[in-house]
Amino acid sequence: MNKPVKLACVVAAAMLAAPMVSFSQTAPADKAGYVVSPDRTAVKNGSGLCWRTGFWTPADAFVGCDDDLLPKAPPPPPAPPPAPAPPPP
């Protein structure tokens, strides 16, 4: 092969291989268990439920999708007992 044909083949191979780099990206680490939209929010179905991927685990739960799996807030402290009534006169 002559030099221009080799150069054309190398350039064509590079142009075909370049888009492959974009396909090898991983999901965002903070929502890897959910399908995410381009704006990095979880995708929900018509019922408001988040779409999970096959890699989802309970550790991936976050507010808005799996509220029942998240740790509950501690209950408020009990009210102090009422002050004793003053003695009758």
N, C-alpha and C. Protein backbone atom coordinates (compact mmCIF):
# COMPACT_ATOMS: atom_id res chain seq x y z
N MET A 1 0.85 -1.19 0.00
CA MET A 1 0.00 0.00 0.00
C MET A 1 0.89 1.24 0.00
N ASN A 2 0.37 2.25 -0.62
CA ASN A 2 1.15 3.47 -0.62
C ASN A 2 0.83 4.30 0.61
N LYS A 3 1.62 5.31 0.84
CA LYS A 3 1.54 6.09 2.07
C LYS A 3 0.19 6.79 2.26
N PRO A 4 -0.40 7.43 1.27
CA PRO A 4 -1.70 8.09 1.48
C PRO A 4 -2.82 7.12 1.85
N VAL A 5 -2.80 5.91 1.31
CA VAL A 5 -3.84 4.94 1.63
C VAL A 5 -3.68 4.47 3.08
N LYS A 6 -2.44 4.24 3.51
CA LYS A 6 -2.20 3.85 4.90
C LYS A 6 -2.66 4.95 5.84
N LEU A 7 -2.34 6.18 5.51
CA LEU A 7 -2.75 7.30 6.34
C LEU A 7 -4.27 7.40 6.41
N ALA A 8 -4.93 7.21 5.30
CA ALA A 8 -6.40 7.25 5.28
C ALA A 8 -6.98 6.15 6.15
N CYS A 9 -6.38 4.96 6.11
CA CYS A 9 -6.87 3.84 6.93
C CYS A 9 -6.68 4.14 8.42
N VAL A 10 -5.55 4.71 8.78
CA VAL A 10 -5.29 5.04 10.19
C VAL A 10 -6.27 6.11 10.67
N VAL A 11 -6.49 7.12 9.86
CA VAL A 11 -7.43 8.18 10.23
C VAL A 11 -8.85 7.62 10.35
N ALA A 12 -9.25 6.77 9.43
CA ALA A 12 -10.59 6.18 9.49
C ALA A 12 -10.74 5.31 10.73
N ALA A 13 -9.72 4.54 11.07
CA ALA A 13 -9.79 3.71 12.27
C ALA A 13 -9.88 4.57 13.53
N ALA A 14 -9.14 5.65 13.57
CA ALA A 14 -9.19 6.55 14.72
C ALA A 14 -10.56 7.20 14.84
N MET A 15 -11.14 7.58 13.71
CA MET A 15 -12.46 8.21 13.74
C MET A 15 -13.54 7.22 14.18
N LEU A 16 -13.39 5.96 13.84
CA LEU A 16 -14.36 4.95 14.26
C LEU A 16 -14.19 4.59 15.73
N ALA A 17 -12.97 4.63 16.23
CA ALA A 17 -12.70 4.24 17.61
C ALA A 17 -13.01 5.36 18.60
N ALA A 18 -12.95 6.61 18.19
CA ALA A 18 -13.14 7.74 19.10
C ALA A 18 -14.50 7.71 19.80
N PRO A 19 -15.62 7.45 19.13
CA PRO A 19 -16.91 7.44 19.84
C PRO A 19 -17.02 6.32 20.87
N MET A 20 -16.22 5.28 20.75
CA MET A 20 -16.29 4.17 21.70
C MET A 20 -15.96 4.63 23.12
N VAL A 21 -15.14 5.65 23.24
CA VAL A 21 -14.76 6.15 24.55
C VAL A 21 -15.99 6.66 25.30
N SER A 22 -16.91 7.30 24.61
CA SER A 22 -18.09 7.83 25.28
C SER A 22 -19.04 6.74 25.74
N PHE A 23 -19.01 5.57 25.12
CA PHE A 23 -19.89 4.48 25.53
C PHE A 23 -19.39 3.76 26.77
N SER A 24 -18.15 3.97 27.15
CA SER A 24 -17.59 3.24 28.28
C SER A 24 -17.78 3.95 29.60
N GLN A 25 -18.56 5.02 29.64
CA GLN A 25 -18.76 5.75 30.87
C GLN A 25 -19.65 4.95 31.81
N THR A 26 -19.43 5.13 33.10
CA THR A 26 -20.23 4.43 34.10
C THR A 26 -21.33 5.35 34.61
N ALA A 27 -22.30 4.77 35.29
CA ALA A 27 -23.39 5.54 35.86
C ALA A 27 -22.86 6.38 37.02
N PRO A 28 -23.54 7.47 37.36
CA PRO A 28 -23.11 8.27 38.51
C PRO A 28 -23.10 7.42 39.76
N ALA A 29 -22.08 7.56 40.56
CA ALA A 29 -21.93 6.72 41.75
C ALA A 29 -23.05 6.95 42.76
N ASP A 30 -23.60 8.19 42.81
CA ASP A 30 -24.61 8.47 43.82
C ASP A 30 -25.97 7.85 43.49
N LYS A 31 -26.22 7.47 42.22
CA LYS A 31 -27.51 6.88 41.85
C LYS A 31 -27.31 5.68 40.94
N ALA A 32 -26.25 4.91 41.15
CA ALA A 32 -25.92 3.80 40.26
C ALA A 32 -27.01 2.74 40.23
N GLY A 33 -27.82 2.64 41.26
CA GLY A 33 -28.85 1.63 41.30
C GLY A 33 -30.15 2.04 40.62
N TYR A 34 -30.18 3.24 40.08
CA TYR A 34 -31.40 3.76 39.45
C TYR A 34 -31.12 4.19 38.02
N VAL A 35 -32.15 4.17 37.20
CA VAL A 35 -32.05 4.74 35.86
C VAL A 35 -32.08 6.25 36.04
N VAL A 36 -31.13 6.96 35.44
CA VAL A 36 -31.07 8.40 35.60
C VAL A 36 -31.24 9.10 34.26
N SER A 37 -31.82 10.29 34.31
CA SER A 37 -32.02 11.10 33.11
C SER A 37 -30.75 11.93 32.87
N PRO A 38 -30.68 12.61 31.73
CA PRO A 38 -29.48 13.42 31.46
C PRO A 38 -29.21 14.50 32.51
N ASP A 39 -30.24 14.97 33.21
CA ASP A 39 -30.00 15.96 34.25
C ASP A 39 -29.68 15.32 35.60
N ARG A 40 -29.37 14.02 35.59
CA ARG A 40 -28.90 13.24 36.73
C ARG A 40 -29.95 13.10 37.84
N THR A 41 -31.22 13.06 37.47
CA THR A 41 -32.27 12.77 38.44
C THR A 41 -32.82 11.38 38.12
N ALA A 42 -33.37 10.73 39.12
CA ALA A 42 -33.90 9.38 38.92
C ALA A 42 -35.14 9.43 38.03
N VAL A 43 -35.24 8.49 37.11
CA VAL A 43 -36.38 8.41 36.20
C VAL A 43 -37.51 7.71 36.94
N LYS A 44 -38.72 8.27 36.84
CA LYS A 44 -39.89 7.68 37.52
C LYS A 44 -40.92 7.27 36.48
N ASN A 45 -41.71 6.24 36.84
CA ASN A 45 -42.77 5.79 35.93
C ASN A 45 -44.02 6.63 36.17
N GLY A 46 -45.11 6.29 35.52
CA GLY A 46 -46.34 7.05 35.64
C GLY A 46 -46.94 7.04 37.04
N SER A 47 -46.59 6.05 37.85
CA SER A 47 -47.09 5.97 39.22
C SER A 47 -46.20 6.70 40.21
N GLY A 48 -45.10 7.27 39.73
CA GLY A 48 -44.19 7.98 40.62
C GLY A 48 -43.14 7.10 41.26
N LEU A 49 -43.01 5.85 40.79
CA LEU A 49 -42.00 4.95 41.34
C LEU A 49 -40.72 5.06 40.53
N CYS A 50 -39.58 5.01 41.20
CA CYS A 50 -38.29 5.12 40.52
C CYS A 50 -37.95 3.81 39.82
N TRP A 51 -37.32 3.91 38.65
CA TRP A 51 -36.88 2.73 37.91
C TRP A 51 -35.52 2.31 38.44
N ARG A 52 -35.43 1.06 38.90
CA ARG A 52 -34.17 0.52 39.43
C ARG A 52 -33.45 -0.27 38.35
N THR A 53 -32.13 -0.30 38.45
CA THR A 53 -31.33 -1.11 37.54
C THR A 53 -31.10 -2.47 38.18
N GLY A 54 -30.47 -3.37 37.46
CA GLY A 54 -30.14 -4.68 38.00
C GLY A 54 -29.06 -4.63 39.06
N PHE A 55 -28.40 -3.49 39.21
CA PHE A 55 -27.34 -3.34 40.19
C PHE A 55 -27.83 -2.70 41.48
N TRP A 56 -29.13 -2.46 41.61
CA TRP A 56 -29.67 -1.79 42.78
C TRP A 56 -29.53 -2.66 44.01
N THR A 57 -29.19 -2.04 45.13
CA THR A 57 -29.17 -2.70 46.44
C THR A 57 -29.87 -1.77 47.43
N PRO A 58 -30.30 -2.26 48.57
CA PRO A 58 -30.93 -1.38 49.56
C PRO A 58 -30.02 -0.24 50.00
N ALA A 59 -28.71 -0.42 49.89
CA ALA A 59 -27.79 0.65 50.26
C ALA A 59 -27.88 1.83 49.29
N ASP A 60 -28.45 1.63 48.11
CA ASP A 60 -28.59 2.70 47.12
C ASP A 60 -29.82 3.57 47.36
N ALA A 61 -30.65 3.23 48.32
CA ALA A 61 -31.90 3.97 48.55
C ALA A 61 -31.60 5.44 48.84
N PHE A 62 -32.45 6.32 48.32
CA PHE A 62 -32.31 7.73 48.63
C PHE A 62 -33.69 8.37 48.70
N VAL A 63 -33.74 9.56 49.27
CA VAL A 63 -35.00 10.27 49.50
C VAL A 63 -35.69 10.52 48.16
N GLY A 64 -36.97 10.24 48.11
CA GLY A 64 -37.75 10.45 46.91
C GLY A 64 -38.04 9.17 46.17
N CYS A 65 -37.25 8.13 46.42
CA CYS A 65 -37.48 6.86 45.74
C CYS A 65 -37.81 5.74 46.73
N ASP A 66 -37.01 5.60 47.75
CA ASP A 66 -37.20 4.51 48.71
C ASP A 66 -37.21 5.05 50.14
N ASP A 67 -38.16 5.92 50.42
CA ASP A 67 -38.23 6.52 51.74
C ASP A 67 -38.42 5.49 52.85
N ASP A 68 -39.13 4.39 52.55
CA ASP A 68 -39.38 3.38 53.57
C ASP A 68 -38.12 2.59 53.93
N LEU A 69 -37.09 2.62 53.10
CA LEU A 69 -35.85 1.89 53.39
C LEU A 69 -34.81 2.75 54.09
N LEU A 70 -35.04 4.05 54.16
CA LEU A 70 -34.08 4.95 54.80
C LEU A 70 -34.27 4.94 56.30
N PRO A 71 -33.21 5.23 57.06
CA PRO A 71 -33.36 5.29 58.52
C PRO A 71 -34.35 6.38 58.90
N LYS A 72 -35.16 6.07 59.87
CA LYS A 72 -36.18 7.02 60.32
C LYS A 72 -35.55 8.05 61.26
N ALA A 73 -36.11 9.24 61.26
CA ALA A 73 -35.65 10.29 62.18
C ALA A 73 -36.03 9.88 63.60
N PRO A 74 -35.19 10.20 64.57
CA PRO A 74 -35.53 9.84 65.96
C PRO A 74 -36.77 10.60 66.41
N PRO A 75 -37.59 9.97 67.25
CA PRO A 75 -38.80 10.66 67.71
C PRO A 75 -38.41 11.86 68.57
N PRO A 76 -39.29 12.85 68.65
CA PRO A 76 -38.98 14.02 69.48
C PRO A 76 -38.93 13.61 70.95
N PRO A 77 -38.16 14.32 71.75
CA PRO A 77 -38.08 13.97 73.18
C PRO A 77 -39.44 14.16 73.85
N PRO A 78 -39.72 13.39 74.87
CA PRO A 78 -41.02 13.53 75.54
C PRO A 78 -41.13 14.91 76.21
N ALA A 79 -42.36 15.36 76.30
CA ALA A 79 -42.61 16.66 76.93
C ALA A 79 -42.27 16.57 78.42
N PRO A 80 -41.76 17.66 78.99
CA PRO A 80 -41.45 17.61 80.43
C PRO A 80 -42.74 17.49 81.24
N PRO A 81 -42.65 16.87 82.40
CA PRO A 81 -43.87 16.74 83.22
C PRO A 81 -44.37 18.12 83.65
N PRO A 82 -45.67 18.23 83.86
CA PRO A 82 -46.21 19.54 84.27
C PRO A 82 -45.68 19.94 85.65
N ALA A 83 -45.57 21.22 85.85
CA ALA A 83 -45.10 21.73 87.15
C ALA A 83 -46.17 21.44 88.21
N PRO A 84 -45.74 21.16 89.42
CA PRO A 84 -46.74 20.88 90.47
C PRO A 84 -47.59 22.14 90.75
N ALA A 85 -48.83 21.87 91.08
CA ALA A 85 -49.75 22.98 91.37
C ALA A 85 -49.35 23.62 92.70
N PRO A 86 -49.53 24.92 92.80
CA PRO A 86 -49.20 25.58 94.08
C PRO A 86 -50.16 25.09 95.18
N PRO A 87 -49.70 25.07 96.40
CA PRO A 87 -50.59 24.61 97.49
C PRO A 87 -51.77 25.57 97.67
N PRO A 88 -52.90 25.03 98.08
CA PRO A 88 -54.07 25.91 98.28
C PRO A 88 -53.83 26.88 99.44
N PRO A 89 -54.39 28.05 99.37
CA PRO A 89 -54.19 29.03 100.47
C PRO A 89 -54.87 28.66 101.75
